PDB file of N, CA and C in Angstrom:
ATOM      1  N   MET A   1      11.954 -76.893 -90.516  1.00  0.00           N
ATOM      2  CA  MET A   1      11.220 -77.099 -89.285  1.00  0.00           C
ATOM      3  C   MET A   1      11.868 -76.245 -88.189  1.00  0.00           C
ATOM      4  N   PHE A   2      11.051 -75.612 -87.406  1.00  0.00           N
ATOM      5  CA  PHE A   2      11.535 -74.754 -86.332  1.00  0.00           C
ATOM      6  C   PHE A   2      11.518 -75.495 -85.007  1.00  0.00           C
ATOM      7  N   THR A   3      12.319 -75.005 -84.069  1.00  0.00           N
ATOM      8  CA  THR A   3      12.390 -75.589 -82.735  1.00  0.00           C
ATOM      9  C   THR A   3      12.108 -74.508 -81.697  1.00  0.00           C
ATOM     10  N   GLN A   4      11.915 -74.949 -80.458  1.00  0.00           N
ATOM     11  CA  GLN A   4      11.730 -73.990 -79.370  1.00  0.00           C
ATOM     12  C   GLN A   4      12.976 -73.129 -79.209  1.00  0.00           C
ATOM     13  N   ALA A   5      14.145 -73.698 -79.458  1.00  0.00           N
ATOM     14  CA  ALA A   5      15.395 -72.926 -79.376  1.00  0.00           C
ATOM     15  C   ALA A   5      15.398 -71.795 -80.406  1.00  0.00           C
ATOM     16  N   ASP A   6      14.858 -72.046 -81.605  1.00  0.00           N
ATOM     17  CA  ASP A   6      14.751 -70.997 -82.627  1.00  0.00           C
ATOM     18  C   ASP A   6      13.860 -69.864 -82.127  1.00  0.00           C
ATOM     19  N   ILE A   7      12.743 -70.231 -81.526  1.00  0.00           N
ATOM     20  CA  ILE A   7      11.818 -69.237 -80.983  1.00  0.00           C
ATOM     21  C   ILE A   7      12.507 -68.404 -79.911  1.00  0.00           C
ATOM     22  N   ASP A   8      13.228 -69.069 -79.023  1.00  0.00           N
ATOM     23  CA  ASP A   8      13.916 -68.366 -77.941  1.00  0.00           C
ATOM     24  C   ASP A   8      14.951 -67.384 -78.481  1.00  0.00           C
ATOM     25  N   GLU A   9      15.712 -67.798 -79.497  1.00  0.00           N
ATOM     26  CA  GLU A   9      16.727 -66.913 -80.090  1.00  0.00           C
ATOM     27  C   GLU A   9      16.080 -65.701 -80.750  1.00  0.00           C
ATOM     28  N   LEU A  10      14.992 -65.929 -81.459  1.00  0.00           N
ATOM     29  CA  LEU A  10      14.317 -64.818 -82.122  1.00  0.00           C
ATOM     30  C   LEU A  10      13.720 -63.857 -81.099  1.00  0.00           C
ATOM     31  N   LYS A  11      13.138 -64.389 -80.038  1.00  0.00           N
ATOM     32  CA  LYS A  11      12.597 -63.532 -78.975  1.00  0.00           C
ATOM     33  C   LYS A  11      13.694 -62.695 -78.330  1.00  0.00           C
ATOM     34  N   LYS A  12      14.849 -63.313 -78.121  1.00  0.00           N
ATOM     35  CA  LYS A  12      15.976 -62.594 -77.530  1.00  0.00           C
ATOM     36  C   LYS A  12      16.408 -61.433 -78.437  1.00  0.00           C
ATOM     37  N   ALA A  13      16.468 -61.689 -79.730  1.00  0.00           N
ATOM     38  CA  ALA A  13      16.848 -60.642 -80.678  1.00  0.00           C
ATOM     39  C   ALA A  13      15.820 -59.516 -80.686  1.00  0.00           C
ATOM     40  N   ILE A  14      14.554 -59.874 -80.679  1.00  0.00           N
ATOM     41  CA  ILE A  14      13.496 -58.861 -80.656  1.00  0.00           C
ATOM     42  C   ILE A  14      13.619 -58.001 -79.402  1.00  0.00           C
ATOM     43  N   ALA A  15      13.860 -58.629 -78.272  1.00  0.00           N
ATOM     44  CA  ALA A  15      13.953 -57.904 -77.000  1.00  0.00           C
ATOM     45  C   ALA A  15      15.137 -56.945 -76.960  1.00  0.00           C
ATOM     46  N   THR A  16      16.213 -57.287 -77.656  1.00  0.00           N
ATOM     47  CA  THR A  16      17.411 -56.443 -77.621  1.00  0.00           C
ATOM     48  C   THR A  16      17.499 -55.482 -78.798  1.00  0.00           C
ATOM     49  N   GLY A  17      16.589 -55.621 -79.759  1.00  0.00           N
ATOM     50  CA  GLY A  17      16.595 -54.734 -80.914  1.00  0.00           C
ATOM     51  C   GLY A  17      17.532 -55.167 -82.030  1.00  0.00           C
ATOM     52  N   ALA A  18      18.091 -56.354 -81.917  1.00  0.00           N
ATOM     53  CA  ALA A  18      18.995 -56.865 -82.955  1.00  0.00           C
ATOM     54  C   ALA A  18      18.178 -57.372 -84.138  1.00  0.00           C
ATOM     55  N   LEU A  19      18.651 -57.117 -85.341  1.00  0.00           N
ATOM     56  CA  LEU A  19      17.968 -57.598 -86.535  1.00  0.00           C
ATOM     57  C   LEU A  19      18.616 -58.853 -87.108  1.00  0.00           C
ATOM     58  N   ARG A  20      19.749 -59.246 -86.565  1.00  0.00           N
ATOM     59  CA  ARG A  20      20.456 -60.444 -87.028  1.00  0.00           C
ATOM     60  C   ARG A  20      20.346 -61.521 -85.956  1.00  0.00           C
ATOM     61  N   VAL A  21      19.987 -62.731 -86.386  1.00  0.00           N
ATOM     62  CA  VAL A  21      19.816 -63.846 -85.456  1.00  0.00           C
ATOM     63  C   VAL A  21      20.655 -65.023 -85.936  1.00  0.00           C
ATOM     64  N   ARG A  22      21.406 -65.616 -85.016  1.00  0.00           N
ATOM     65  CA  ARG A  22      22.144 -66.846 -85.316  1.00  0.00           C
ATOM     66  C   ARG A  22      21.443 -67.969 -84.552  1.00  0.00           C
ATOM     67  N   TYR A  23      20.944 -68.950 -85.308  1.00  0.00           N
ATOM     68  CA  TYR A  23      20.216 -70.061 -84.721  1.00  0.00           C
ATOM     69  C   TYR A  23      21.170 -71.189 -84.355  1.00  0.00           C
ATOM     70  N   ALA A  24      20.705 -72.106 -83.519  1.00  0.00           N
ATOM     71  CA  ALA A  24      21.537 -73.186 -82.976  1.00  0.00           C
ATOM     72  C   ALA A  24      22.164 -74.059 -84.059  1.00  0.00           C
ATOM     73  N   ASP A  25      21.490 -74.207 -85.193  1.00  0.00           N
ATOM     74  CA  ASP A  25      22.025 -75.060 -86.263  1.00  0.00           C
ATOM     75  C   ASP A  25      23.027 -74.330 -87.154  1.00  0.00           C
ATOM     76  N   GLY A  26      23.369 -73.098 -86.787  1.00  0.00           N
ATOM     77  CA  GLY A  26      24.368 -72.342 -87.531  1.00  0.00           C
ATOM     78  C   GLY A  26      23.801 -71.355 -88.541  1.00  0.00           C
ATOM     79  N   ARG A  27      22.508 -71.445 -88.817  1.00  0.00           N
ATOM     80  CA  ARG A  27      21.897 -70.485 -89.742  1.00  0.00           C
ATOM     81  C   ARG A  27      21.988 -69.090 -89.153  1.00  0.00           C
ATOM     82  N   GLU A  28      22.232 -68.120 -90.006  1.00  0.00           N
ATOM     83  CA  GLU A  28      22.217 -66.730 -89.573  1.00  0.00           C
ATOM     84  C   GLU A  28      21.282 -65.969 -90.503  1.00  0.00           C
ATOM     85  N   VAL A  29      20.350 -65.247 -89.909  1.00  0.00           N
ATOM     86  CA  VAL A  29      19.347 -64.535 -90.694  1.00  0.00           C
ATOM     87  C   VAL A  29      19.391 -63.060 -90.331  1.00  0.00           C
ATOM     88  N   GLN A  30      19.392 -62.212 -91.358  1.00  0.00           N
ATOM     89  CA  GLN A  30      19.325 -60.767 -91.166  1.00  0.00           C
ATOM     90  C   GLN A  30      17.906 -60.339 -91.532  1.00  0.00           C
ATOM     91  N   TYR A  31      17.141 -59.895 -90.555  1.00  0.00           N
ATOM     92  CA  TYR A  31      15.781 -59.431 -90.800  1.00  0.00           C
ATOM     93  C   TYR A  31      15.821 -57.956 -91.167  1.00  0.00           C
ATOM     94  N   ARG A  32      14.847 -57.510 -91.947  1.00  0.00           N
ATOM     95  CA  ARG A  32      14.819 -56.110 -92.382  1.00  0.00           C
ATOM     96  C   ARG A  32      14.127 -55.208 -91.373  1.00  0.00           C
ATOM     97  N   THR A  33      13.089 -55.754 -90.725  1.00  0.00           N
ATOM     98  CA  THR A  33      12.296 -54.936 -89.807  1.00  0.00           C
ATOM     99  C   THR A  33      11.850 -55.755 -88.603  1.00  0.00           C
ATOM    100  N   LEU A  34      11.447 -55.049 -87.575  1.00  0.00           N
ATOM    101  CA  LEU A  34      10.875 -55.701 -86.401  1.00  0.00           C
ATOM    102  C   LEU A  34       9.574 -56.415 -86.781  1.00  0.00           C
ATOM    103  N   ALA A  35       8.812 -55.821 -87.669  1.00  0.00           N
ATOM    104  CA  ALA A  35       7.558 -56.444 -88.115  1.00  0.00           C
ATOM    105  C   ALA A  35       7.826 -57.793 -88.777  1.00  0.00           C
ATOM    106  N   GLU A  36       8.881 -57.868 -89.571  1.00  0.00           N
ATOM    107  CA  GLU A  36       9.244 -59.134 -90.214  1.00  0.00           C
ATOM    108  C   GLU A  36       9.621 -60.180 -89.161  1.00  0.00           C
ATOM    109  N   MET A  37      10.310 -59.747 -88.129  1.00  0.00           N
ATOM    110  CA  MET A  37      10.698 -60.661 -87.050  1.00  0.00           C
ATOM    111  C   MET A  37       9.468 -61.177 -86.310  1.00  0.00           C
ATOM    112  N   ARG A  38       8.539 -60.284 -86.026  1.00  0.00           N
ATOM    113  CA  ARG A  38       7.313 -60.682 -85.320  1.00  0.00           C
ATOM    114  C   ARG A  38       6.478 -61.645 -86.161  1.00  0.00           C
ATOM    115  N   GLU A  39       6.423 -61.415 -87.458  1.00  0.00           N
ATOM    116  CA  GLU A  39       5.689 -62.315 -88.348  1.00  0.00           C
ATOM    117  C   GLU A  39       6.343 -63.699 -88.358  1.00  0.00           C
ATOM    118  N   THR A  40       7.667 -63.718 -88.417  1.00  0.00           N
ATOM    119  CA  THR A  40       8.396 -64.986 -88.391  1.00  0.00           C
ATOM    120  C   THR A  40       8.175 -65.702 -87.064  1.00  0.00           C
ATOM    121  N   LEU A  41       8.172 -64.961 -85.970  1.00  0.00           N
ATOM    122  CA  LEU A  41       7.931 -65.547 -84.654  1.00  0.00           C
ATOM    123  C   LEU A  41       6.555 -66.213 -84.600  1.00  0.00           C
ATOM    124  N   THR A  42       5.555 -65.557 -85.143  1.00  0.00           N
ATOM    125  CA  THR A  42       4.206 -66.120 -85.176  1.00  0.00           C
ATOM    126  C   THR A  42       4.180 -67.429 -85.960  1.00  0.00           C
ATOM    127  N   ILE A  43       4.871 -67.462 -87.084  1.00  0.00           N
ATOM    128  CA  ILE A  43       4.942 -68.678 -87.904  1.00  0.00           C
ATOM    129  C   ILE A  43       5.647 -69.790 -87.141  1.00  0.00           C
ATOM    130  N   MET A  44       6.766 -69.441 -86.497  1.00  0.00           N
ATOM    131  CA  MET A  44       7.520 -70.438 -85.721  1.00  0.00           C
ATOM    132  C   MET A  44       6.659 -71.027 -84.609  1.00  0.00           C
ATOM    133  N   GLN A  45       5.991 -70.153 -83.864  1.00  0.00           N
ATOM    134  CA  GLN A  45       5.178 -70.609 -82.741  1.00  0.00           C
ATOM    135  C   GLN A  45       4.038 -71.505 -83.213  1.00  0.00           C
ATOM    136  N   ALA A  46       3.436 -71.187 -84.342  1.00  0.00           N
ATOM    137  CA  ALA A  46       2.345 -72.008 -84.873  1.00  0.00           C
ATOM    138  C   ALA A  46       2.847 -73.391 -85.272  1.00  0.00           C
ATOM    139  N   GLU A  47       4.080 -73.452 -85.771  1.00  0.00           N
ATOM    140  CA  GLU A  47       4.628 -74.745 -86.180  1.00  0.00           C
ATOM    141  C   GLU A  47       5.049 -75.588 -84.981  1.00  0.00           C
ATOM    142  N   VAL A  48       5.646 -74.950 -83.990  1.00  0.00           N
ATOM    143  CA  VAL A  48       6.147 -75.683 -82.825  1.00  0.00           C
ATOM    144  C   VAL A  48       5.013 -76.082 -81.894  1.00  0.00           C
ATOM    145  N   THR A  49       4.011 -75.219 -81.749  1.00  0.00           N
ATOM    146  CA  THR A  49       2.882 -75.489 -80.858  1.00  0.00           C
ATOM    147  C   THR A  49       1.586 -75.367 -81.643  1.00  0.00           C
ATOM    148  N   PRO A  50       1.250 -76.383 -82.439  1.00  0.00           N
ATOM    149  CA  PRO A  50       0.026 -76.286 -83.239  1.00  0.00           C
ATOM    150  C   PRO A  50      -1.222 -76.217 -82.364  1.00  0.00           C
ATOM    151  N   ALA A  51      -2.202 -75.499 -82.844  1.00  0.00           N
ATOM    152  CA  ALA A  51      -3.466 -75.374 -82.106  1.00  0.00           C
ATOM    153  C   ALA A  51      -4.154 -76.727 -82.042  1.00  0.00           C
ATOM    154  N   SER A  52      -4.868 -76.922 -80.979  1.00  0.00           N
ATOM    155  CA  SER A  52      -5.611 -78.175 -80.815  1.00  0.00           C
ATOM    156  C   SER A  52      -6.661 -78.283 -81.911  1.00  0.00           C
ATOM    157  N   SER A  53      -6.777 -79.447 -82.475  1.00  0.00           N
ATOM    158  CA  SER A  53      -7.747 -79.655 -83.551  1.00  0.00           C
ATOM    159  C   SER A  53      -9.138 -79.956 -83.014  1.00  0.00           C
ATOM    160  N   GLY A  54      -9.280 -79.975 -81.710  1.00  0.00           N
ATOM    161  CA  GLY A  54     -10.576 -80.267 -81.121  1.00  0.00           C
ATOM    162  C   GLY A  54     -10.796 -81.755 -80.894  1.00  0.00           C
ATOM    163  N   ASN A  55      -9.815 -82.570 -81.246  1.00  0.00           N
ATOM    164  CA  ASN A  55      -9.946 -84.011 -81.072  1.00  0.00           C
ATOM    165  C   ASN A  55      -9.471 -84.488 -79.708  1.00  0.00           C
ATOM    166  N   SER A  56      -8.876 -83.588 -78.936  1.00  0.00           N
ATOM    167  CA  SER A  56      -8.399 -84.013 -77.622  1.00  0.00           C
ATOM    168  C   SER A  56      -9.588 -84.163 -76.684  1.00  0.00           C
ATOM    169  N   ARG A  57      -9.452 -85.070 -75.770  1.00  0.00           N
ATOM    170  CA  ARG A  57     -10.539 -85.317 -74.833  1.00  0.00           C
ATOM    171  C   ARG A  57     -10.151 -84.800 -73.465  1.00  0.00           C
ATOM    172  N   GLY A  58     -11.057 -84.082 -72.856  1.00  0.00           N
ATOM    173  CA  GLY A  58     -10.833 -83.612 -71.504  1.00  0.00           C
ATOM    174  C   GLY A  58     -11.441 -84.586 -70.515  1.00  0.00           C
ATOM    175  N   PHE A  59     -10.942 -84.563 -69.323  1.00  0.00           N
ATOM    176  CA  PHE A  59     -11.454 -85.445 -68.285  1.00  0.00           C
ATOM    177  C   PHE A  59     -11.978 -84.594 -67.147  1.00  0.00           C
ATOM    178  N   LEU A  60     -13.100 -84.977 -66.619  1.00  0.00           N
ATOM    179  CA  LEU A  60     -13.706 -84.280 -65.502  1.00  0.00           C
ATOM    180  C   LEU A  60     -13.742 -85.242 -64.331  1.00  0.00           C
ATOM    181  N   ALA A  61     -13.080 -84.855 -63.271  1.00  0.00           N
ATOM    182  CA  ALA A  61     -13.059 -85.718 -62.086  1.00  0.00           C
ATOM    183  C   ALA A  61     -14.392 -85.591 -61.355  1.00  0.00           C
ATOM    184  N   SER A  62     -14.896 -86.703 -60.906  1.00  0.00           N
ATOM    185  CA  SER A  62     -16.118 -86.665 -60.102  1.00  0.00           C
ATOM    186  C   SER A  62     -15.839 -87.371 -58.784  1.00  0.00           C
ATOM    187  N   PHE A  63     -16.388 -86.816 -57.745  1.00  0.00           N
ATOM    188  CA  PHE A  63     -16.139 -87.355 -56.404  1.00  0.00           C
ATOM    189  C   PHE A  63     -17.427 -87.736 -55.745  1.00  0.00           C
TER     190      PHE A  63
END
């Protein structure tokens, strides 16, 4: 399971051009390419912030 902290660390690595990331839980990952990092970031973001399933209800204020 990924966390927002994992996302932040990966984004920081992408921004600096580093291919090695050390996550808060002690895991260290060596990515091969920037494309691999971006793909992993997309997966992380989807897990941490899942898309709305359409079951949420919106409220409209009336005056």
